[in-house]
Amino acid sequence: MQVGLYRLVHRDNNDNTLAEIAEIRSEQFGGVLGTPQADIQRWPSIKKDLSPIIQEDDKLVIAFKPSTALTEHSTAAAAANTVLVPVTIKNKRSGVVYEKDLAVSDFTDRRAYANSQVWTAGVWYDIFSLTLGAQLEMKVGHRIQDVRVDSKIYIQKDSTTS
């Protein structure tokens, strides 16, 4: 499990950063290599009311800054990545609102780093990006009905490193 800092970022369609939504240390997620933390109550929460509204053609980006320099030796490690980001999506035309947990497969840009990818300590890398579709707007987080499990977020990047 790569150790460092994860950041959720709201960017416009020109990749200008509009807002930094959250920064969470990998240690807060509590997983181990290949196995995410099973107890959802221990995951960090995202507060929906603090999230900006992400409009159509804007992006939700997950960036990662490693704590130490490392070299990734496995291109197959992407399959071991775990991402669960709670979002509330609204169709502006129909007015329909629904909650969803974004997973790795929902992100349209999943960076495939080459074998022997060098990660420099203290440098931000964009690892996942989602461009919001037409007529949609989105906020990170859910309505809080049960504080033990609602709006919990989980991100874990696994790879074989040295």
C-alpha atoms as a PDB file:
ATOM      1  CA  MET A   1       0.000   0.000   0.000  1.00  0.00           C
ATOM      2  CA  GLN A   2       1.516   3.294  -1.049  1.00  0.00           C
ATOM      3  CA  VAL A   3       1.758   5.710   1.870  1.00  0.00           C
ATOM      4  CA  GLY A   4       1.163   9.409   1.428  1.00  0.00           C
ATOM      5  CA  LEU A   5      -1.502  12.051   1.043  1.00  0.00           C
ATOM      6  CA  TYR A   6      -4.629  11.858  -1.129  1.00  0.00           C
ATOM      7  CA  ARG A   7      -6.405  14.980  -2.364  1.00  0.00           C
ATOM      8  CA  LEU A   8      -9.809  15.382  -4.018  1.00  0.00           C
ATOM      9  CA  VAL A   9      -9.713  18.318  -6.411  1.00  0.00           C
ATOM     10  CA  HIS A  10     -12.399  20.133  -8.421  1.00  0.00           C
ATOM     11  CA  ARG A  11     -11.017  21.309 -11.779  1.00  0.00           C
ATOM     12  CA  ASP A  12     -12.627  22.983 -14.766  1.00  0.00           C
ATOM     13  CA  ASN A  13     -12.420  21.556 -18.298  1.00  0.00           C
ATOM     14  CA  ASN A  14      -9.110  23.407 -18.843  1.00  0.00           C
ATOM     15  CA  ASP A  15      -7.552  21.674 -15.792  1.00  0.00           C
ATOM     16  CA  ASN A  16      -7.560  24.842 -13.691  1.00  0.00           C
ATOM     17  CA  THR A  17      -8.011  23.964 -10.030  1.00  0.00           C
ATOM     18  CA  LEU A  18     -11.221  25.526  -8.706  1.00  0.00           C
ATOM     19  CA  ALA A  19     -11.249  23.935  -5.250  1.00  0.00           C
ATOM     20  CA  GLU A  20      -9.452  21.413  -3.100  1.00  0.00           C
ATOM     21  CA  ILE A  21     -12.281  19.399  -1.568  1.00  0.00           C
ATOM     22  CA  ALA A  22     -10.380  17.195   0.875  1.00  0.00           C
ATOM     23  CA  GLU A  23      -6.925  16.020   1.890  1.00  0.00           C
ATOM     24  CA  ILE A  24      -6.651  12.688   3.656  1.00  0.00           C
ATOM     25  CA  ARG A  25      -3.539  10.781   4.764  1.00  0.00           C
ATOM     26  CA  SER A  26      -3.352   7.142   3.662  1.00  0.00           C
ATOM     27  CA  GLU A  27      -2.915   6.076   7.305  1.00  0.00           C
ATOM     28  CA  GLN A  28      -6.456   7.326   8.072  1.00  0.00           C
ATOM     29  CA  PHE A  29      -7.890   4.642   5.779  1.00  0.00           C
ATOM     30  CA  GLY A  30      -6.241   1.850   7.768  1.00  0.00           C
ATOM     31  CA  GLY A  31      -5.943  -0.831   5.084  1.00  0.00           C
ATOM     32  CA  VAL A  32      -3.016  -3.130   4.384  1.00  0.00           C
ATOM     33  CA  LEU A  33      -1.502  -4.195   1.067  1.00  0.00           C
ATOM     34  CA  GLY A  34      -4.202  -5.905  -1.006  1.00  0.00           C
ATOM     35  CA  THR A  35      -6.857  -5.617   1.706  1.00  0.00           C
ATOM     36  CA  PRO A  36      -8.861  -2.457   2.372  1.00  0.00           C
ATOM     37  CA  GLN A  37     -10.112  -1.677   5.885  1.00  0.00           C
ATOM     38  CA  ALA A  38     -13.250  -3.804   6.261  1.00  0.00           C
ATOM     39  CA  ASP A  39     -14.892  -1.727   8.998  1.00  0.00           C
ATOM     40  CA  ILE A  40     -16.632   1.152   7.169  1.00  0.00           C
ATOM     41  CA  GLN A  41     -17.127   2.975  10.487  1.00  0.00           C
ATOM     42  CA  ARG A  42     -13.362   3.575  10.658  1.00  0.00           C
ATOM     43  CA  TRP A  43     -13.224   5.277   7.250  1.00  0.00           C
ATOM     44  CA  PRO A  44     -12.982   9.085   7.123  1.00  0.00           C
ATOM     45  CA  SER A  45     -16.142  11.049   6.273  1.00  0.00           C
ATOM     46  CA  ILE A  46     -16.736  13.738   3.669  1.00  0.00           C
ATOM     47  CA  LYS A  47     -19.064  16.606   4.576  1.00  0.00           C
ATOM     48  CA  LYS A  48     -21.416  17.237   1.658  1.00  0.00           C
ATOM     49  CA  ASP A  49     -22.254  20.776   2.761  1.00  0.00           C
ATOM     50  CA  LEU A  50     -18.578  21.772   2.436  1.00  0.00           C
ATOM     51  CA  SER A  51     -18.238  20.409  -1.122  1.00  0.00           C
ATOM     52  CA  PRO A  52     -18.450  22.793  -4.070  1.00  0.00           C
ATOM     53  CA  ILE A  53     -20.930  22.049  -6.853  1.00  0.00           C
ATOM     54  CA  ILE A  54     -19.115  20.341  -9.713  1.00  0.00           C
ATOM     55  CA  GLN A  55     -20.815  21.342 -12.988  1.00  0.00           C
ATOM     56  CA  GLU A  56     -21.007  19.575 -16.363  1.00  0.00           C
ATOM     57  CA  ASP A  57     -17.607  19.290 -18.107  1.00  0.00           C
ATOM     58  CA  ASP A  58     -15.805  19.939 -14.785  1.00  0.00           C
ATOM     59  CA  LYS A  59     -13.588  17.232 -13.295  1.00  0.00           C
ATOM     60  CA  LEU A  60     -13.250  15.451  -9.989  1.00  0.00           C
ATOM     61  CA  VAL A  61      -9.597  14.462  -9.685  1.00  0.00           C
ATOM     62  CA  ILE A  62      -7.913  12.241  -7.102  1.00  0.00           C
ATOM     63  CA  ALA A  63      -4.271  13.191  -6.665  1.00  0.00           C
ATOM     64  CA  PHE A  64      -1.622  11.372  -4.638  1.00  0.00           C
ATOM     65  CA  LYS A  65       1.578  12.658  -3.008  1.00  0.00           C
ATOM     66  CA  PRO A  66       3.867   9.862  -1.739  1.00  0.00           C
ATOM     67  CA  SER A  67       5.570  10.335   1.626  1.00  0.00           C
ATOM     68  CA  THR A  68       8.775   8.681   0.435  1.00  0.00           C
ATOM     69  CA  ALA A  69      10.370   8.098  -2.946  1.00  0.00           C
ATOM     70  CA  LEU A  70       9.538   4.713  -4.404  1.00  0.00           C
ATOM     71  CA  THR A  71       9.593   2.770  -7.648  1.00  0.00           C
ATOM     72  CA  GLU A  72       6.495   0.889  -8.776  1.00  0.00           C
ATOM     73  CA  HIS A  73       7.362  -2.473 -10.336  1.00  0.00           C
ATOM     74  CA  SER A  74       3.955  -3.813 -11.301  1.00  0.00           C
ATOM     75  CA  THR A  75       1.717  -2.539 -14.083  1.00  0.00           C
ATOM     76  CA  ALA A  76      -0.962  -5.028 -12.955  1.00  0.00           C
ATOM     77  CA  ALA A  77      -1.237  -3.290  -9.593  1.00  0.00           C
ATOM     78  CA  ALA A  78      -3.988  -1.005 -10.906  1.00  0.00           C
ATOM     79  CA  ALA A  79      -6.429  -3.864 -10.389  1.00  0.00           C
ATOM     80  CA  ALA A  80      -5.641  -3.733  -6.655  1.00  0.00           C
ATOM     81  CA  ASN A  81      -6.602  -0.047  -6.324  1.00  0.00           C
ATOM     82  CA  THR A  82      -9.635   0.627  -4.139  1.00  0.00           C
ATOM     83  CA  VAL A  83     -11.690   3.801  -4.483  1.00  0.00           C
ATOM     84  CA  LEU A  84     -15.079   4.559  -2.942  1.00  0.00           C
ATOM     85  CA  VAL A  85     -16.052   8.235  -3.119  1.00  0.00           C
ATOM     86  CA  PRO A  86     -19.587   9.179  -2.019  1.00  0.00           C
ATOM     87  CA  VAL A  87     -21.251  11.700  -4.348  1.00  0.00           C
ATOM     88  CA  THR A  88     -24.686  13.214  -4.827  1.00  0.00           C
ATOM     89  CA  ILE A  89     -25.597  13.759  -8.482  1.00  0.00           C
ATOM     90  CA  LYS A  90     -28.383  15.934  -9.850  1.00  0.00           C
ATOM     91  CA  ASN A  91     -29.756  15.956 -13.388  1.00  0.00           C
ATOM     92  CA  LYS A  92     -30.382  19.678 -13.955  1.00  0.00           C
ATOM     93  CA  ARG A  93     -32.980  19.108 -16.678  1.00  0.00           C
ATOM     94  CA  SER A  94     -35.141  16.517 -14.914  1.00  0.00           C
ATOM     95  CA  GLY A  95     -34.340  17.528 -11.325  1.00  0.00           C
ATOM     96  CA  VAL A  96     -33.651  13.894 -10.334  1.00  0.00           C
ATOM     97  CA  VAL A  97     -31.150  13.622  -7.467  1.00  0.00           C
ATOM     98  CA  TYR A  98     -29.425  10.387  -6.459  1.00  0.00           C
ATOM     99  CA  GLU A  99     -26.531   9.240  -4.305  1.00  0.00           C
ATOM    100  CA  LYS A 100     -23.757   7.019  -5.573  1.00  0.00           C
ATOM    101  CA  ASP A 101     -20.367   5.721  -4.460  1.00  0.00           C
ATOM    102  CA  LEU A 102     -17.804   6.197  -7.222  1.00  0.00           C
ATOM    103  CA  ALA A 103     -15.459   3.232  -7.686  1.00  0.00           C
ATOM    104  CA  VAL A 104     -12.282   2.902  -9.772  1.00  0.00           C
ATOM    105  CA  SER A 105     -14.326   1.815 -12.798  1.00  0.00           C
ATOM    106  CA  ASP A 106     -16.377   5.053 -12.689  1.00  0.00           C
ATOM    107  CA  PHE A 107     -13.344   7.240 -13.287  1.00  0.00           C
ATOM    108  CA  THR A 108     -12.868   7.995 -16.978  1.00  0.00           C
ATOM    109  CA  ASP A 109      -9.129   8.595 -16.648  1.00  0.00           C
ATOM    110  CA  ARG A 110      -7.319   5.913 -14.670  1.00  0.00           C
ATOM    111  CA  ARG A 111      -3.654   6.620 -15.120  1.00  0.00           C
ATOM    112  CA  ALA A 112      -1.724   3.511 -16.092  1.00  0.00           C
ATOM    113  CA  TYR A 113       1.796   4.121 -14.912  1.00  0.00           C
ATOM    114  CA  ALA A 114       4.581   2.262 -16.637  1.00  0.00           C
ATOM    115  CA  ASN A 115       6.497  -0.582 -15.085  1.00  0.00           C
ATOM    116  CA  SER A 116       9.321   0.927 -13.011  1.00  0.00           C
ATOM    117  CA  GLN A 117       7.356   4.179 -12.516  1.00  0.00           C
ATOM    118  CA  VAL A 118       9.342   6.400 -10.147  1.00  0.00           C
ATOM    119  CA  TRP A 119       7.252   8.276  -7.561  1.00  0.00           C
ATOM    120  CA  THR A 120       9.113  11.252  -6.097  1.00  0.00           C
ATOM    121  CA  ALA A 121       8.368  12.120  -2.470  1.00  0.00           C
ATOM    122  CA  GLY A 122       6.453  15.366  -2.041  1.00  0.00           C
ATOM    123  CA  VAL A 123       5.225  15.585  -5.666  1.00  0.00           C
ATOM    124  CA  TRP A 124       1.509  15.468  -6.561  1.00  0.00           C
ATOM    125  CA  TYR A 125       0.401  12.898  -9.180  1.00  0.00           C
ATOM    126  CA  ASP A 126      -3.095  12.777 -10.698  1.00  0.00           C
ATOM    127  CA  ILE A 127      -4.141   9.136 -10.445  1.00  0.00           C
ATOM    128  CA  PHE A 128      -7.901   9.238 -11.180  1.00  0.00           C
ATOM    129  CA  SER A 129     -10.110  11.748 -12.993  1.00  0.00           C
ATOM    130  CA  LEU A 130     -13.842  11.890 -13.729  1.00  0.00           C
ATOM    131  CA  THR A 131     -15.337  14.401 -16.188  1.00  0.00           C
ATOM    132  CA  LEU A 132     -18.956  15.148 -15.377  1.00  0.00           C
ATOM    133  CA  GLY A 133     -21.421  14.626 -18.238  1.00  0.00           C
ATOM    134  CA  ALA A 134     -23.891  17.042 -19.800  1.00  0.00           C
ATOM    135  CA  GLN A 135     -26.796  18.371 -17.717  1.00  0.00           C
ATOM    136  CA  LEU A 136     -25.321  16.999 -14.484  1.00  0.00           C
ATOM    137  CA  GLU A 137     -24.027  18.578 -11.318  1.00  0.00           C
ATOM    138  CA  MET A 138     -22.400  16.776  -8.425  1.00  0.00           C
ATOM    139  CA  LYS A 139     -21.341  17.309  -4.827  1.00  0.00           C
ATOM    140  CA  VAL A 140     -18.954  15.053  -2.940  1.00  0.00           C
ATOM    141  CA  GLY A 141     -20.740  13.410  -0.001  1.00  0.00           C
ATOM    142  CA  HIS A 142     -24.176  12.037   0.880  1.00  0.00           C
ATOM    143  CA  ARG A 143     -26.991  13.147   3.163  1.00  0.00           C
ATOM    144  CA  ILE A 144     -26.088  12.032   6.654  1.00  0.00           C
ATOM    145  CA  GLN A 145     -28.727   9.617   7.907  1.00  0.00           C
ATOM    146  CA  ASP A 146     -26.439   7.318   9.867  1.00  0.00           C
ATOM    147  CA  VAL A 147     -23.195   9.010  10.945  1.00  0.00           C
ATOM    148  CA  ARG A 148     -21.533   5.625  11.352  1.00  0.00           C
ATOM    149  CA  VAL A 149     -21.619   4.774   7.636  1.00  0.00           C
ATOM    150  CA  ASP A 150     -22.912   7.661   5.469  1.00  0.00           C
ATOM    151  CA  SER A 151     -20.484   9.800   3.434  1.00  0.00           C
ATOM    152  CA  LYS A 152     -17.521   7.532   4.172  1.00  0.00           C
ATOM    153  CA  ILE A 153     -14.638   7.710   1.712  1.00  0.00           C
ATOM    154  CA  TYR A 154     -11.927   5.146   0.974  1.00  0.00           C
ATOM    155  CA  ILE A 155      -8.881   5.350  -1.318  1.00  0.00           C
ATOM    156  CA  GLN A 156      -6.018   2.844  -1.453  1.00  0.00           C
ATOM    157  CA  LYS A 157      -3.316   2.538  -4.118  1.00  0.00           C
ATOM    158  CA  ASP A 158      -1.509  -0.783  -4.021  1.00  0.00           C
ATOM    159  CA  SER A 159       1.585  -1.701  -5.996  1.00  0.00           C
ATOM    160  CA  THR A 160       4.767  -3.696  -5.804  1.00  0.00           C
ATOM    161  CA  THR A 161       7.400  -1.111  -4.909  1.00  0.00           C
ATOM    162  CA  SER A 162      10.910  -0.629  -3.668  1.00  0.00           C
END
